[in-house]
PDB file of N, CA and C in Angstrom:
ATOM      1  N   UNK A   1      70.566   6.139  39.989  1.00  0.00           N
ATOM      2  CA  UNK A   1      69.620   6.413  38.923  1.00  0.00           C
ATOM      3  C   UNK A   1      70.295   7.791  38.367  1.00  0.00           C
ATOM      4  N   UNK A   2      70.111   7.842  36.912  1.00  0.00           N
ATOM      5  CA  UNK A   2      70.537   9.259  36.377  1.00  0.00           C
ATOM      6  C   UNK A   2      69.288   9.840  35.740  1.00  0.00           C
ATOM      7  N   UNK A   3      69.221  11.025  35.729  1.00  0.00           N
ATOM      8  CA  UNK A   3      68.149  11.796  35.139  1.00  0.00           C
ATOM      9  C   UNK A   3      68.694  12.826  34.060  1.00  0.00           C
ATOM     10  N   UNK A   4      68.123  13.085  32.986  1.00  0.00           N
ATOM     11  CA  UNK A   4      68.555  14.044  32.164  1.00  0.00           C
ATOM     12  C   UNK A   4      67.883  15.507  32.432  1.00  0.00           C
ATOM     13  N   UNK A   5      68.656  16.538  31.994  1.00  0.00           N
ATOM     14  CA  UNK A   5      68.254  17.886  32.232  1.00  0.00           C
ATOM     15  C   UNK A   5      66.597  18.003  31.749  1.00  0.00           C
ATOM     16  N   UNK A   6      65.758  18.477  32.479  1.00  0.00           N
ATOM     17  CA  UNK A   6      64.472  18.696  32.131  1.00  0.00           C
ATOM     18  C   UNK A   6      63.564  17.568  32.483  1.00  0.00           C
ATOM     19  N   UNK A   7      64.150  16.474  33.252  1.00  0.00           N
ATOM     20  CA  UNK A   7      63.250  15.382  33.763  1.00  0.00           C
ATOM     21  C   UNK A   7      62.146  15.995  34.651  1.00  0.00           C
ATOM     22  N   UNK A   8      62.507  16.746  35.695  1.00  0.00           N
ATOM     23  CA  UNK A   8      61.704  17.157  36.636  1.00  0.00           C
ATOM     24  C   UNK A   8      60.462  17.983  36.134  1.00  0.00           C
ATOM     25  N   UNK A   9      60.939  18.903  35.057  1.00  0.00           N
ATOM     26  CA  UNK A   9      59.850  19.750  34.365  1.00  0.00           C
ATOM     27  C   UNK A   9      58.849  18.844  33.662  1.00  0.00           C
ATOM     28  N   UNK A  10      59.400  17.876  32.893  1.00  0.00           N
ATOM     29  CA  UNK A  10      58.390  17.090  32.180  1.00  0.00           C
ATOM     30  C   UNK A  10      57.588  16.313  33.098  1.00  0.00           C
ATOM     31  N   UNK A  11      58.139  15.866  34.077  1.00  0.00           N
ATOM     32  CA  UNK A  11      57.257  14.992  35.140  1.00  0.00           C
ATOM     33  C   UNK A  11      56.253  16.019  35.756  1.00  0.00           C
ATOM     34  N   UNK A  12      56.531  17.235  36.079  1.00  0.00           N
ATOM     35  CA  UNK A  12      55.765  18.096  36.526  1.00  0.00           C
ATOM     36  C   UNK A  12      54.484  18.464  35.643  1.00  0.00           C
ATOM     37  N   UNK A  13      54.930  18.622  34.474  1.00  0.00           N
ATOM     38  CA  UNK A  13      54.023  18.897  33.297  1.00  0.00           C
ATOM     39  C   UNK A  13      52.885  17.658  33.353  1.00  0.00           C
ATOM     40  N   UNK A  14      53.409  16.491  33.490  1.00  0.00           N
ATOM     41  CA  UNK A  14      52.451  15.269  33.283  1.00  0.00           C
ATOM     42  C   UNK A  14      51.541  15.222  34.510  1.00  0.00           C
ATOM     43  N   UNK A  15      52.119  15.490  35.560  1.00  0.00           N
ATOM     44  CA  UNK A  15      51.212  15.415  36.927  1.00  0.00           C
ATOM     45  C   UNK A  15      50.028  16.570  36.829  1.00  0.00           C
ATOM     46  N   UNK A  16      50.483  17.799  36.221  1.00  0.00           N
ATOM     47  CA  UNK A  16      49.698  18.849  35.912  1.00  0.00           C
ATOM     48  C   UNK A  16      48.484  18.445  35.010  1.00  0.00           C
ATOM     49  N   UNK A  17      48.889  17.689  33.988  1.00  0.00           N
ATOM     50  CA  UNK A  17      47.895  17.363  32.917  1.00  0.00           C
ATOM     51  C   UNK A  17      46.955  16.214  33.358  1.00  0.00           C
ATOM     52  N   UNK A  18      47.595  15.302  34.146  1.00  0.00           N
ATOM     53  CA  UNK A  18      46.746  14.272  34.784  1.00  0.00           C
ATOM     54  C   UNK A  18      45.887  14.777  35.798  1.00  0.00           C
ATOM     55  N   UNK A  19      46.108  15.764  36.660  1.00  0.00           N
ATOM     56  CA  UNK A  19      45.269  16.427  37.496  1.00  0.00           C
ATOM     57  C   UNK A  19      44.058  16.973  36.853  1.00  0.00           C
ATOM     58  N   UNK A  20      44.351  17.901  35.727  1.00  0.00           N
ATOM     59  CA  UNK A  20      43.332  18.542  34.992  1.00  0.00           C
ATOM     60  C   UNK A  20      42.486  17.480  34.125  1.00  0.00           C
ATOM     61  N   UNK A  21      42.995  16.472  33.749  1.00  0.00           N
ATOM     62  CA  UNK A  21      42.333  15.396  32.978  1.00  0.00           C
ATOM     63  C   UNK A  21      41.226  14.725  34.012  1.00  0.00           C
ATOM     64  N   UNK A  22      41.813  14.473  35.194  1.00  0.00           N
ATOM     65  CA  UNK A  22      40.863  13.839  36.266  1.00  0.00           C
ATOM     66  C   UNK A  22      39.733  14.857  36.501  1.00  0.00           C
ATOM     67  N   UNK A  23      40.109  16.019  36.728  1.00  0.00           N
ATOM     68  CA  UNK A  23      39.021  16.989  37.116  1.00  0.00           C
ATOM     69  C   UNK A  23      38.132  17.216  35.995  1.00  0.00           C
ATOM     70  N   UNK A  24      38.472  17.389  34.702  1.00  0.00           N
ATOM     71  CA  UNK A  24      37.680  17.359  33.702  1.00  0.00           C
ATOM     72  C   UNK A  24      36.735  16.280  33.558  1.00  0.00           C
ATOM     73  N   UNK A  25      37.020  14.873  33.776  1.00  0.00           N
ATOM     74  CA  UNK A  25      36.152  13.888  33.754  1.00  0.00           C
ATOM     75  C   UNK A  25      35.204  13.854  34.884  1.00  0.00           C
ATOM     76  N   UNK A  26      35.600  14.150  36.023  1.00  0.00           N
ATOM     77  CA  UNK A  26      34.662  14.550  37.139  1.00  0.00           C
ATOM     78  C   UNK A  26      33.622  15.544  36.795  1.00  0.00           C
ATOM     79  N   UNK A  27      34.253  16.606  36.296  1.00  0.00           N
ATOM     80  CA  UNK A  27      33.352  17.890  36.054  1.00  0.00           C
ATOM     81  C   UNK A  27      32.255  17.462  34.942  1.00  0.00           C
ATOM     82  N   UNK A  28      32.440  16.687  33.958  1.00  0.00           N
ATOM     83  CA  UNK A  28      31.485  16.332  33.153  1.00  0.00           C
ATOM     84  C   UNK A  28      30.365  15.762  33.562  1.00  0.00           C
ATOM     85  N   UNK A  29      30.370  15.039  34.722  1.00  0.00           N
ATOM     86  CA  UNK A  29      29.140  14.714  35.272  1.00  0.00           C
ATOM     87  C   UNK A  29      28.350  15.533  36.138  1.00  0.00           C
ATOM     88  N   UNK A  30      29.023  16.666  36.530  1.00  0.00           N
ATOM     89  CA  UNK A  30      28.078  17.522  37.336  1.00  0.00           C
ATOM     90  C   UNK A  30      28.053  18.934  36.951  1.00  0.00           C
ATOM     91  N   UNK A  31      29.072  19.582  36.274  1.00  0.00           N
ATOM     92  CA  UNK A  31      29.042  20.988  35.911  1.00  0.00           C
ATOM     93  C   UNK A  31      29.749  21.198  34.565  1.00  0.00           C
ATOM     94  N   UNK A  32      28.921  21.393  33.616  1.00  0.00           N
ATOM     95  CA  UNK A  32      29.566  21.626  32.135  1.00  0.00           C
ATOM     96  C   UNK A  32      30.457  22.759  32.065  1.00  0.00           C
ATOM     97  N   UNK A  33      30.099  23.857  32.709  1.00  0.00           N
ATOM     98  CA  UNK A  33      30.934  25.083  32.790  1.00  0.00           C
ATOM     99  C   UNK A  33      32.245  24.797  33.328  1.00  0.00           C
ATOM    100  N   UNK A  34      32.342  24.115  34.433  1.00  0.00           N
ATOM    101  CA  UNK A  34      33.651  23.721  35.004  1.00  0.00           C
ATOM    102  C   UNK A  34      34.340  22.726  34.225  1.00  0.00           C
ATOM    103  N   UNK A  35      33.665  21.878  33.509  1.00  0.00           N
ATOM    104  CA  UNK A  35      34.346  20.822  32.691  1.00  0.00           C
ATOM    105  C   UNK A  35      35.093  21.617  31.473  1.00  0.00           C
ATOM    106  N   UNK A  36      34.370  22.714  30.834  1.00  0.00           N
ATOM    107  CA  UNK A  36      34.813  23.245  29.862  1.00  0.00           C
ATOM    108  C   UNK A  36      36.300  24.015  30.319  1.00  0.00           C
ATOM    109  N   UNK A  37      36.320  24.598  31.558  1.00  0.00           N
ATOM    110  CA  UNK A  37      37.531  25.139  32.033  1.00  0.00           C
ATOM    111  C   UNK A  37      38.492  24.270  32.329  1.00  0.00           C
ATOM    112  N   UNK A  38      38.234  23.137  32.873  1.00  0.00           N
ATOM    113  CA  UNK A  38      39.170  21.893  33.043  1.00  0.00           C
ATOM    114  C   UNK A  38      39.640  21.539  31.793  1.00  0.00           C
ATOM    115  N   UNK A  39      38.934  21.323  30.707  1.00  0.00           N
ATOM    116  CA  UNK A  39      39.398  20.839  29.451  1.00  0.00           C
ATOM    117  C   UNK A  39      40.421  21.974  28.870  1.00  0.00           C
ATOM    118  N   UNK A  40      40.102  23.258  28.996  1.00  0.00           N
ATOM    119  CA  UNK A  40      41.010  24.239  28.668  1.00  0.00           C
ATOM    120  C   UNK A  40      42.320  24.216  29.225  1.00  0.00           C
ATOM    121  N   UNK A  41      42.359  23.852  30.641  1.00  0.00           N
ATOM    122  CA  UNK A  41      43.575  23.771  31.337  1.00  0.00           C
ATOM    123  C   UNK A  41      44.250  22.480  30.893  1.00  0.00           C
ATOM    124  N   UNK A  42      43.582  21.504  30.691  1.00  0.00           N
ATOM    125  CA  UNK A  42      44.013  20.220  30.219  1.00  0.00           C
ATOM    126  C   UNK A  42      44.898  20.397  28.890  1.00  0.00           C
ATOM    127  N   UNK A  43      44.089  21.162  28.029  1.00  0.00           N
ATOM    128  CA  UNK A  43      44.630  21.429  26.592  1.00  0.00           C
ATOM    129  C   UNK A  43      45.937  22.309  26.725  1.00  0.00           C
ATOM    130  N   UNK A  44      46.010  23.181  27.697  1.00  0.00           N
ATOM    131  CA  UNK A  44      47.096  24.058  27.707  1.00  0.00           C
ATOM    132  C   UNK A  44      48.556  23.347  27.817  1.00  0.00           C
ATOM    133  N   UNK A  45      48.494  22.125  27.975  1.00  0.00           N
ATOM    134  CA  UNK A  45      49.806  21.374  28.013  1.00  0.00           C
ATOM    135  C   UNK A  45      50.435  21.436  26.669  1.00  0.00           C
ATOM    136  N   UNK A  46      49.720  21.646  25.646  1.00  0.00           N
ATOM    137  CA  UNK A  46      50.190  21.654  24.286  1.00  0.00           C
ATOM    138  C   UNK A  46      50.991  23.116  24.063  1.00  0.00           C
ATOM    139  N   UNK A  47      50.683  24.125  25.028  1.00  0.00           N
ATOM    140  CA  UNK A  47      51.616  25.371  24.898  1.00  0.00           C
ATOM    141  C   UNK A  47      52.948  25.292  25.700  1.00  0.00           C
ATOM    142  N   UNK A  48      53.184  24.193  26.491  1.00  0.00           N
ATOM    143  CA  UNK A  48      54.390  24.054  27.168  1.00  0.00           C
ATOM    144  C   UNK A  48      55.497  23.783  26.329  1.00  0.00           C
ATOM    145  N   UNK A  49      56.716  24.355  26.756  1.00  0.00           N
ATOM    146  CA  UNK A  49      57.858  23.959  26.052  1.00  0.00           C
ATOM    147  C   UNK A  49      58.390  22.491  26.293  1.00  0.00           C
ATOM    148  N   UNK A  50      57.824  21.907  27.357  1.00  0.00           N
ATOM    149  CA  UNK A  50      58.210  20.580  27.701  1.00  0.00           C
ATOM    150  C   UNK A  50      57.449  19.704  26.769  1.00  0.00           C
ATOM    151  N   UNK A  51      56.266  20.015  26.420  1.00  0.00           N
ATOM    152  CA  UNK A  51      55.479  19.191  25.458  1.00  0.00           C
ATOM    153  C   UNK A  51      56.123  19.413  24.109  1.00  0.00           C
ATOM    154  N   UNK A  52      56.474  20.496  23.644  1.00  0.00           N
ATOM    155  CA  UNK A  52      57.243  20.737  22.310  1.00  0.00           C
ATOM    156  C   UNK A  52      58.479  19.980  22.240  1.00  0.00           C
ATOM    157  N   UNK A  53      59.178  19.920  23.273  1.00  0.00           N
ATOM    158  CA  UNK A  53      60.644  19.539  23.284  1.00  0.00           C
ATOM    159  C   UNK A  53      60.582  17.875  23.650  1.00  0.00           C
ATOM    160  N   UNK A  54      59.585  17.379  24.388  1.00  0.00           N
ATOM    161  CA  UNK A  54      59.742  15.989  24.872  1.00  0.00           C
ATOM    162  C   UNK A  54      58.685  14.943  24.191  1.00  0.00           C
ATOM    163  N   UNK A  55      57.642  15.687  23.539  1.00  0.00           N
ATOM    164  CA  UNK A  55      56.625  14.640  22.982  1.00  0.00           C
ATOM    165  C   UNK A  55      56.995  14.638  21.458  1.00  0.00           C
ATOM    166  N   UNK A  56      57.115  13.441  20.853  1.00  0.00           N
ATOM    167  CA  UNK A  56      57.473  13.352  19.574  1.00  0.00           C
ATOM    168  C   UNK A  56      56.592  14.100  18.636  1.00  0.00           C
ATOM    169  N   UNK A  57      57.018  14.896  17.652  1.00  0.00           N
ATOM    170  CA  UNK A  57      56.204  15.723  16.951  1.00  0.00           C
ATOM    171  C   UNK A  57      55.385  14.921  15.833  1.00  0.00           C
ATOM    172  N   UNK A  58      55.862  13.678  15.510  1.00  0.00           N
ATOM    173  CA  UNK A  58      55.274  12.840  14.581  1.00  0.00           C
ATOM    174  C   UNK A  58      54.175  12.056  14.986  1.00  0.00           C
ATOM    175  N   UNK A  59      54.447  11.359  16.212  1.00  0.00           N
ATOM    176  CA  UNK A  59      53.410  10.328  16.761  1.00  0.00           C
ATOM    177  C   UNK A  59      52.762  10.951  17.885  1.00  0.00           C
ATOM    178  N   UNK A  60      53.334  11.612  18.889  1.00  0.00           N
ATOM    179  CA  UNK A  60      52.641  11.940  20.099  1.00  0.00           C
ATOM    180  C   UNK A  60      51.849  13.222  20.019  1.00  0.00           C
ATOM    181  N   UNK A  61      52.593  14.386  19.516  1.00  0.00           N
ATOM    182  CA  UNK A  61      51.882  15.601  19.556  1.00  0.00           C
ATOM    183  C   UNK A  61      50.481  15.644  18.772  1.00  0.00           C
ATOM    184  N   UNK A  62      50.540  15.016  17.649  1.00  0.00           N
ATOM    185  CA  UNK A  62      49.124  15.087  16.937  1.00  0.00           C
ATOM    186  C   UNK A  62      48.248  14.171  17.663  1.00  0.00           C
ATOM    187  N   UNK A  63      48.540  13.067  18.364  1.00  0.00           N
ATOM    188  CA  UNK A  63      47.636  12.119  19.118  1.00  0.00           C
ATOM    189  C   UNK A  63      46.962  13.067  20.309  1.00  0.00           C
ATOM    190  N   UNK A  64      47.763  13.835  21.011  1.00  0.00           N
ATOM    191  CA  UNK A  64      47.348  14.710  22.132  1.00  0.00           C
ATOM    192  C   UNK A  64      46.502  15.654  21.461  1.00  0.00           C
ATOM    193  N   UNK A  65      46.814  16.330  20.433  1.00  0.00           N
ATOM    194  CA  UNK A  65      45.869  17.420  19.698  1.00  0.00           C
ATOM    195  C   UNK A  65      44.499  16.789  19.359  1.00  0.00           C
ATOM    196  N   UNK A  66      44.494  15.473  18.977  1.00  0.00           N
ATOM    197  CA  UNK A  66      43.339  14.848  18.536  1.00  0.00           C
ATOM    198  C   UNK A  66      42.595  14.463  19.734  1.00  0.00           C
ATOM    199  N   UNK A  67      43.019  14.059  20.708  1.00  0.00           N
ATOM    200  CA  UNK A  67      42.323  13.712  21.998  1.00  0.00           C
ATOM    201  C   UNK A  67      41.529  14.954  22.593  1.00  0.00           C
ATOM    202  N   UNK A  68      42.382  16.080  22.476  1.00  0.00           N
ATOM    203  CA  UNK A  68      41.623  17.410  23.061  1.00  0.00           C
ATOM    204  C   UNK A  68      40.742  17.771  21.995  1.00  0.00           C
ATOM    205  N   UNK A  69      40.897  17.747  20.724  1.00  0.00           N
ATOM    206  CA  UNK A  69      39.765  17.988  19.799  1.00  0.00           C
ATOM    207  C   UNK A  69      38.557  17.152  19.921  1.00  0.00           C
ATOM    208  N   UNK A  70      38.684  15.973  20.101  1.00  0.00           N
ATOM    209  CA  UNK A  70      37.741  14.796  20.228  1.00  0.00           C
ATOM    210  C   UNK A  70      36.802  15.191  21.545  1.00  0.00           C
ATOM    211  N   UNK A  71      37.712  15.773  22.548  1.00  0.00           N
ATOM    212  CA  UNK A  71      36.908  16.097  23.982  1.00  0.00           C
ATOM    213  C   UNK A  71      35.970  17.260  23.694  1.00  0.00           C
ATOM    214  N   UNK A  72      36.755  18.292  22.954  1.00  0.00           N
ATOM    215  CA  UNK A  72      35.781  19.507  22.712  1.00  0.00           C
ATOM    216  C   UNK A  72      34.661  19.208  21.715  1.00  0.00           C
ATOM    217  N   UNK A  73      34.680  18.144  21.001  1.00  0.00           N
ATOM    218  CA  UNK A  73      33.458  17.821  20.260  1.00  0.00           C
ATOM    219  C   UNK A  73      32.582  16.865  20.994  1.00  0.00           C
ATOM    220  N   UNK A  74      32.882  16.552  22.177  1.00  0.00           N
ATOM    221  CA  UNK A  74      31.939  15.736  23.247  1.00  0.00           C
ATOM    222  C   UNK A  74      32.365  14.428  23.461  1.00  0.00           C
ATOM    223  N   UNK A  75      33.472  14.003  22.846  1.00  0.00           N
ATOM    224  CA  UNK A  75      33.886  12.577  23.137  1.00  0.00           C
ATOM    225  C   UNK A  75      35.209  12.670  24.131  1.00  0.00           C
ATOM    226  N   UNK A  76      34.832  12.223  25.451  1.00  0.00           N
ATOM    227  CA  UNK A  76      35.906  12.359  26.458  1.00  0.00           C
ATOM    228  C   UNK A  76      36.716  11.004  26.304  1.00  0.00           C
ATOM    229  N   UNK A  77      36.460  10.062  25.590  1.00  0.00           N
ATOM    230  CA  UNK A  77      37.113   8.760  25.744  1.00  0.00           C
ATOM    231  C   UNK A  77      38.599   8.787  25.658  1.00  0.00           C
ATOM    232  N   UNK A  78      39.191   9.630  24.771  1.00  0.00           N
ATOM    233  CA  UNK A  78      40.568   9.767  24.665  1.00  0.00           C
ATOM    234  C   UNK A  78      41.126  10.202  25.863  1.00  0.00           C
ATOM    235  N   UNK A  79      40.749  11.138  26.536  1.00  0.00           N
ATOM    236  CA  UNK A  79      41.180  11.749  27.965  1.00  0.00           C
ATOM    237  C   UNK A  79      41.040  10.525  28.856  1.00  0.00           C
ATOM    238  N   UNK A  80      39.876   9.900  28.935  1.00  0.00           N
ATOM    239  CA  UNK A  80      39.573   8.874  29.873  1.00  0.00           C
ATOM    240  C   UNK A  80      40.638   7.652  29.835  1.00  0.00           C
ATOM    241  N   UNK A  81      41.101   7.393  28.552  1.00  0.00           N
ATOM    242  CA  UNK A  81      41.882   6.426  28.223  1.00  0.00           C
ATOM    243  C   UNK A  81      43.305   6.816  28.772  1.00  0.00           C
ATOM    244  N   UNK A  82      43.763   7.987  28.320  1.00  0.00           N
ATOM    245  CA  UNK A  82      45.081   8.565  28.821  1.00  0.00           C
ATOM    246  C   UNK A  82      45.015   8.628  30.361  1.00  0.00           C
ATOM    247  N   UNK A  83      43.964   8.983  31.016  1.00  0.00           N
ATOM    248  CA  UNK A  83      44.062   8.841  32.336  1.00  0.00           C
ATOM    249  C   UNK A  83      44.298   7.457  33.028  1.00  0.00           C
ATOM    250  N   UNK A  84      43.640   6.634  32.468  1.00  0.00           N
ATOM    251  CA  UNK A  84      43.641   5.026  32.867  1.00  0.00           C
ATOM    252  C   UNK A  84      45.146   4.652  32.597  1.00  0.00           C
ATOM    253  N   UNK A  85      45.697   4.814  31.401  1.00  0.00           N
ATOM    254  CA  UNK A  85      47.047   4.264  31.062  1.00  0.00           C
ATOM    255  C   UNK A  85      48.076   5.087  31.704  1.00  0.00           C
ATOM    256  N   UNK A  86      48.095   6.434  31.825  1.00  0.00           N
ATOM    257  CA  UNK A  86      49.279   7.240  32.158  1.00  0.00           C
ATOM    258  C   UNK A  86      49.178   7.937  33.521  1.00  0.00           C
ATOM    259  N   UNK A  87      48.123   7.822  34.040  1.00  0.00           N
ATOM    260  CA  UNK A  87      47.848   8.646  35.308  1.00  0.00           C
ATOM    261  C   UNK A  87      47.547   7.961  36.555  1.00  0.00           C
ATOM    262  N   UNK A  88      47.215   6.797  36.598  1.00  0.00           N
ATOM    263  CA  UNK A  88      46.681   6.041  37.669  1.00  0.00           C
ATOM    264  C   UNK A  88      47.603   6.202  38.823  1.00  0.00           C
ATOM    265  N   UNK A  89      48.991   6.026  38.506  1.00  0.00           N
ATOM    266  CA  UNK A  89      49.774   5.971  39.699  1.00  0.00           C
ATOM    267  C   UNK A  89      50.074   7.368  40.319  1.00  0.00           C
ATOM    268  N   UNK A  90      49.668   8.400  39.689  1.00  0.00           N
ATOM    269  CA  UNK A  90      49.959   9.708  40.083  1.00  0.00           C
ATOM    270  C   UNK A  90      48.801  10.122  41.067  1.00  0.00           C
ATOM    271  N   UNK A  91      47.640   9.778  40.626  1.00  0.00           N
ATOM    272  CA  UNK A  91      46.405  10.436  41.418  1.00  0.00           C
ATOM    273  C   UNK A  91      45.954   9.520  42.263  1.00  0.00           C
ATOM    274  N   UNK A  92      46.065   9.722  43.565  1.00  0.00           N
ATOM    275  CA  UNK A  92      45.607   8.837  44.611  1.00  0.00           C
ATOM    276  C   UNK A  92      44.566   9.401  45.448  1.00  0.00           C
ATOM    277  N   UNK A  93      44.088  10.739  45.161  1.00  0.00           N
ATOM    278  CA  UNK A  93      43.348  11.336  46.000  1.00  0.00           C
ATOM    279  C   UNK A  93      41.639  10.953  45.751  1.00  0.00           C
TER     280      UNK A  93
END
């Protein structure tokens, strides 16, 4: 199997984001202050060079920003969907 330069960093970023998305969804049920912090951590993915360099700026980057903005406005469904589709295999705790 061959991997491109940066594969590990992108994978680590995805695991980081999945973990914070999972925490955010759990915190929503019990602790609004913790949920706000978890959402901030989830949103910090957009500041990563791996995000800017690996996520398509036309299709994926706007989608991620939209999901984060929807969550900030009270709709966590985009993050829940992302967790279901992209993170299930990563989070087994």
